[in-house]
C-alpha atoms as a PDB file:
ATOM      1  CA  MET A   1      87.506  81.075 162.953  1.00  0.00           C
ATOM      2  CA  GLY A   2      84.933  83.912 163.033  1.00  0.00           C
ATOM      3  CA  THR A   3      87.471  86.401 161.653  1.00  0.00           C
ATOM      4  CA  THR A   4      88.334  84.068 158.778  1.00  0.00           C
ATOM      5  CA  LEU A   5      84.682  83.735 157.817  1.00  0.00           C
ATOM      6  CA  LYS A   6      84.211  87.516 157.964  1.00  0.00           C
ATOM      7  CA  ARG A   7      87.249  88.055 155.718  1.00  0.00           C
ATOM      8  CA  ALA A   8      86.048  85.409 153.258  1.00  0.00           C
ATOM      9  CA  GLY A   9      82.614  87.069 153.201  1.00  0.00           C
ATOM     10  CA  MET A  10      84.161  90.483 152.563  1.00  0.00           C
ATOM     11  CA  ILE A  11      86.296  89.077 149.743  1.00  0.00           C
ATOM     12  CA  LEU A  12      83.213  87.536 148.132  1.00  0.00           C
ATOM     13  CA  LEU A  13      81.229  90.746 148.531  1.00  0.00           C
ATOM     14  CA  VAL A  14      83.978  92.938 147.057  1.00  0.00           C
ATOM     15  CA  SER A  15      84.507  90.445 144.205  1.00  0.00           C
ATOM     16  CA  GLY A  16      80.799  90.508 143.415  1.00  0.00           C
ATOM     17  CA  VAL A  17      80.680  94.307 143.371  1.00  0.00           C
ATOM     18  CA  VAL A  18      83.764  94.488 141.113  1.00  0.00           C
ATOM     19  CA  ALA A  19      82.216  91.913 138.743  1.00  0.00           C
ATOM     20  CA  VAL A  20      78.925  93.832 138.524  1.00  0.00           C
ATOM     21  CA  VAL A  21      80.707  97.132 137.846  1.00  0.00           C
ATOM     22  CA  ALA A  22      83.031  95.567 135.261  1.00  0.00           C
ATOM     23  CA  ASN A  23      80.124  93.921 133.446  1.00  0.00           C
ATOM     24  CA  THR A  24      78.121  97.148 133.482  1.00  0.00           C
ATOM     25  CA  VAL A  25      80.863  99.256 131.856  1.00  0.00           C
ATOM     26  CA  HIS A  26      82.272  96.633 129.466  1.00  0.00           C
ATOM     27  CA  PRO A  27      81.324  97.239 125.781  1.00  0.00           C
ATOM     28  CA  ARG A  28      80.413  93.554 125.291  1.00  0.00           C
ATOM     29  CA  ARG A  29      78.697  93.016 128.617  1.00  0.00           C
ATOM     30  CA  ILE A  30      76.820  89.870 129.480  1.00  0.00           C
ATOM     31  CA  PRO A  31      73.077  90.549 129.704  1.00  0.00           C
ATOM     32  CA  TRP A  32      71.543  89.954 133.138  1.00  0.00           C
ATOM     33  CA  VAL A  33      68.414  88.452 131.616  1.00  0.00           C
ATOM     34  CA  GLN A  34      68.231  86.853 128.210  1.00  0.00           C
ATOM     35  CA  SER A  35      65.804  84.682 126.285  1.00  0.00           C
ATOM     36  CA  TRP A  36      67.438  81.480 125.112  1.00  0.00           C
ATOM     37  CA  SER A  37      64.460  80.341 123.038  1.00  0.00           C
ATOM     38  CA  ASN A  38      66.050  81.504 119.760  1.00  0.00           C
ATOM     39  CA  HIS A  39      69.740  81.556 120.645  1.00  0.00           C
ATOM     40  CA  VAL A  40      70.802  79.212 117.825  1.00  0.00           C
ATOM     41  CA  GLU A  41      68.925  81.266 115.211  1.00  0.00           C
ATOM     42  CA  ALA A  42      70.371  84.510 116.559  1.00  0.00           C
ATOM     43  CA  ARG A  43      73.907  83.125 116.353  1.00  0.00           C
ATOM     44  CA  ALA A  44      73.220  81.902 112.807  1.00  0.00           C
ATOM     45  CA  ARG A  45      72.023  85.309 111.664  1.00  0.00           C
ATOM     46  CA  GLU A  46      75.049  86.999 113.248  1.00  0.00           C
ATOM     47  CA  ALA A  47      77.274  84.616 111.277  1.00  0.00           C
ATOM     48  CA  GLY A  48      75.457  85.220 107.990  1.00  0.00           C
ATOM     49  CA  VAL A  49      73.723  81.834 107.865  1.00  0.00           C
ATOM     50  CA  ARG A  50      70.112  82.183 106.757  1.00  0.00           C
ATOM     51  CA  VAL A  51      67.487  80.509 108.943  1.00  0.00           C
ATOM     52  CA  MET A  52      64.795  78.404 107.311  1.00  0.00           C
ATOM     53  CA  PRO A  53      61.501  77.797 109.136  1.00  0.00           C
ATOM     54  CA  LEU A  54      59.721  74.441 109.057  1.00  0.00           C
ATOM     55  CA  SER A  55      57.079  75.588 106.542  1.00  0.00           C
ATOM     56  CA  VAL A  56      59.779  76.479 104.009  1.00  0.00           C
ATOM     57  CA  ALA A  57      61.952  73.444 104.794  1.00  0.00           C
ATOM     58  CA  LEU A  58      59.051  71.092 104.054  1.00  0.00           C
ATOM     59  CA  GLU A  59      58.896  72.506 100.502  1.00  0.00           C
ATOM     60  CA  ALA A  60      62.615  73.141  99.946  1.00  0.00           C
ATOM     61  CA  ARG A  61      64.393  71.811  96.883  1.00  0.00           C
ATOM     62  CA  ALA A  62      67.832  71.649  98.420  1.00  0.00           C
ATOM     63  CA  ARG A  63      70.427  69.217  99.667  1.00  0.00           C
ATOM     64  CA  PHE A  64      69.709  68.459 103.321  1.00  0.00           C
ATOM     65  CA  VAL A  65      72.723  67.782 105.540  1.00  0.00           C
ATOM     66  CA  ASP A  66      72.118  66.024 108.856  1.00  0.00           C
ATOM     67  CA  ALA A  67      74.603  67.005 111.569  1.00  0.00           C
ATOM     68  CA  ARG A  68      73.270  64.535 114.170  1.00  0.00           C
ATOM     69  CA  PRO A  69      75.282  61.529 115.353  1.00  0.00           C
ATOM     70  CA  ARG A  70      75.188  58.643 112.883  1.00  0.00           C
ATOM     71  CA  GLU A  71      73.057  56.456 115.210  1.00  0.00           C
ATOM     72  CA  GLU A  72      70.279  59.071 115.215  1.00  0.00           C
ATOM     73  CA  PHE A  73      70.562  59.490 111.437  1.00  0.00           C
ATOM     74  CA  GLU A  74      70.126  55.741 110.951  1.00  0.00           C
ATOM     75  CA  ARG A  75      66.944  55.718 113.088  1.00  0.00           C
ATOM     76  CA  GLY A  76      65.323  58.293 110.794  1.00  0.00           C
ATOM     77  CA  ARG A  77      66.176  61.259 108.593  1.00  0.00           C
ATOM     78  CA  ILE A  78      64.865  63.690 106.024  1.00  0.00           C
ATOM     79  CA  PRO A  79      64.784  61.775 102.702  1.00  0.00           C
ATOM     80  CA  ALA A  80      68.047  61.881 100.718  1.00  0.00           C
ATOM     81  CA  ALA A  81      69.813  63.785 103.519  1.00  0.00           C
ATOM     82  CA  LEU A  82      73.560  63.377 103.813  1.00  0.00           C
ATOM     83  CA  SER A  83      74.928  62.296 107.156  1.00  0.00           C
ATOM     84  CA  VAL A  84      77.754  64.585 108.251  1.00  0.00           C
ATOM     85  CA  PRO A  85      77.955  64.387 112.036  1.00  0.00           C
ATOM     86  CA  LEU A  86      79.638  67.470 113.427  1.00  0.00           C
ATOM     87  CA  GLY A  87      82.411  65.428 115.032  1.00  0.00           C
ATOM     88  CA  GLU A  88      83.162  63.670 111.731  1.00  0.00           C
ATOM     89  CA  TRP A  89      82.837  66.499 109.229  1.00  0.00           C
ATOM     90  CA  GLU A  90      86.492  66.300 108.222  1.00  0.00           C
ATOM     91  CA  ASP A  91      85.880  62.723 107.010  1.00  0.00           C
ATOM     92  CA  ALA A  92      83.223  64.071 104.632  1.00  0.00           C
ATOM     93  CA  PHE A  93      85.351  66.993 103.475  1.00  0.00           C
ATOM     94  CA  ALA A  94      85.512  65.862  99.814  1.00  0.00           C
ATOM     95  CA  LEU A  95      81.740  65.467  99.655  1.00  0.00           C
ATOM     96  CA  LEU A  96      81.188  68.853 101.288  1.00  0.00           C
ATOM     97  CA  ALA A  97      83.753  70.458  98.984  1.00  0.00           C
ATOM     98  CA  ASP A  98      81.794  69.199  95.958  1.00  0.00           C
ATOM     99  CA  LEU A  99      78.585  70.629  97.417  1.00  0.00           C
ATOM    100  CA  VAL A 100      80.241  73.979  98.118  1.00  0.00           C
ATOM    101  CA  GLU A 101      81.658  74.066  94.578  1.00  0.00           C
ATOM    102  CA  SER A 102      78.257  73.360  93.040  1.00  0.00           C
ATOM    103  CA  ASN A 103      76.882  76.313  95.037  1.00  0.00           C
ATOM    104  CA  GLY A 104      73.559  74.530  95.356  1.00  0.00           C
ATOM    105  CA  PRO A 105      71.537  75.326  98.467  1.00  0.00           C
ATOM    106  CA  MET A 106      72.428  73.279 101.546  1.00  0.00           C
ATOM    107  CA  VAL A 107      70.013  73.019 104.441  1.00  0.00           C
ATOM    108  CA  LEU A 108      71.717  71.890 107.628  1.00  0.00           C
ATOM    109  CA  TYR A 109      69.782  70.458 110.533  1.00  0.00           C
ATOM    110  CA  CYS A 110      70.196  68.497 113.747  1.00  0.00           C
ATOM    111  CA  GLY A 111      67.843  67.177 116.405  1.00  0.00           C
ATOM    112  CA  ASN A 112      65.861  70.134 117.735  1.00  0.00           C
ATOM    113  CA  ARG A 113      65.837  73.889 118.383  1.00  0.00           C
ATOM    114  CA  ASP A 114      68.347  73.604 121.232  1.00  0.00           C
ATOM    115  CA  CYS A 115      70.906  71.708 119.146  1.00  0.00           C
ATOM    116  CA  ASP A 116      73.643  73.833 117.599  1.00  0.00           C
ATOM    117  CA  ASP A 117      75.570  71.084 115.767  1.00  0.00           C
ATOM    118  CA  ALA A 118      74.072  72.109 112.399  1.00  0.00           C
ATOM    119  CA  LEU A 119      75.063  75.717 112.987  1.00  0.00           C
ATOM    120  CA  LEU A 120      78.596  74.750 113.976  1.00  0.00           C
ATOM    121  CA  LEU A 121      78.850  72.583 110.853  1.00  0.00           C
ATOM    122  CA  ALA A 122      77.569  75.490 108.730  1.00  0.00           C
ATOM    123  CA  LEU A 123      80.257  77.733 110.212  1.00  0.00           C
ATOM    124  CA  GLU A 124      82.917  75.154 109.280  1.00  0.00           C
ATOM    125  CA  ILE A 125      81.544  74.978 105.736  1.00  0.00           C
ATOM    126  CA  GLN A 126      81.606  78.787 105.534  1.00  0.00           C
ATOM    127  CA  THR A 127      85.338  78.780 106.232  1.00  0.00           C
ATOM    128  CA  PHE A 128      85.774  76.727 103.058  1.00  0.00           C
ATOM    129  CA  GLY A 129      83.747  79.094 100.906  1.00  0.00           C
ATOM    130  CA  GLY A 130      80.212  77.823 101.441  1.00  0.00           C
ATOM    131  CA  THR A 131      77.754  80.667 100.950  1.00  0.00           C
ATOM    132  CA  ASN A 132      74.442  79.097  99.960  1.00  0.00           C
ATOM    133  CA  LEU A 133      73.756  77.749 103.457  1.00  0.00           C
ATOM    134  CA  PHE A 134      70.543  77.565 105.415  1.00  0.00           C
ATOM    135  CA  LEU A 135      69.934  76.434 108.961  1.00  0.00           C
ATOM    136  CA  TYR A 136      66.727  74.501 109.492  1.00  0.00           C
ATOM    137  CA  SER A 137      66.651  75.244 113.195  1.00  0.00           C
ATOM    138  CA  ASP A 138      63.519  73.333 114.236  1.00  0.00           C
ATOM    139  CA  GLY A 139      65.378  70.074 113.680  1.00  0.00           C
ATOM    140  CA  PHE A 140      64.354  66.542 112.870  1.00  0.00           C
ATOM    141  CA  GLU A 141      62.013  66.243 115.867  1.00  0.00           C
ATOM    142  CA  ALA A 142      59.734  69.017 114.572  1.00  0.00           C
ATOM    143  CA  TRP A 143      60.046  67.730 111.000  1.00  0.00           C
ATOM    144  CA  GLU A 144      58.762  64.306 112.028  1.00  0.00           C
ATOM    145  CA  GLU A 145      56.154  65.722 114.426  1.00  0.00           C
ATOM    146  CA  HIS A 146      54.643  67.907 111.683  1.00  0.00           C
ATOM    147  CA  GLY A 147      54.348  65.101 109.148  1.00  0.00           C
ATOM    148  CA  GLY A 148      57.440  65.679 107.065  1.00  0.00           C
ATOM    149  CA  PRO A 149      58.511  62.636 105.060  1.00  0.00           C
ATOM    150  CA  VAL A 150      60.965  60.395 106.899  1.00  0.00           C
ATOM    151  CA  GLU A 151      63.408  57.872 105.507  1.00  0.00           C
ATOM    152  CA  ARG A 152      64.570  54.997 107.698  1.00  0.00           C
END
């Protein structure tokens, strides 16, 4: 029994060392420490989706698209926002296609800064030619908290 535990420990130790070395030399290594506070915004910028802060979103003259689940949308939303839950975006394809064709600005949002549904929806819209896309990354929670108008 003792020998088996020693062998298992050695295997784990060697595996750990190999993993550390591989990660260190790999061109796309995983960082050991990383701030996740702005991970959605960083991914948006990498994908070419512009990020819109709350102060600009409150004044924006654009079509808002809510990527939250329909139940959350029905409890409250940015006025005149379209409900296009990420899991149902294909059902709204015709509507989204019209918006993409018009090339008017679309501001996509979801619940809060940790939610990436709006970003994932923006990436889907990009694949169909959408270019005038913005991610309002603070989400509906911040919108409501900072006195933005709410439609119920």
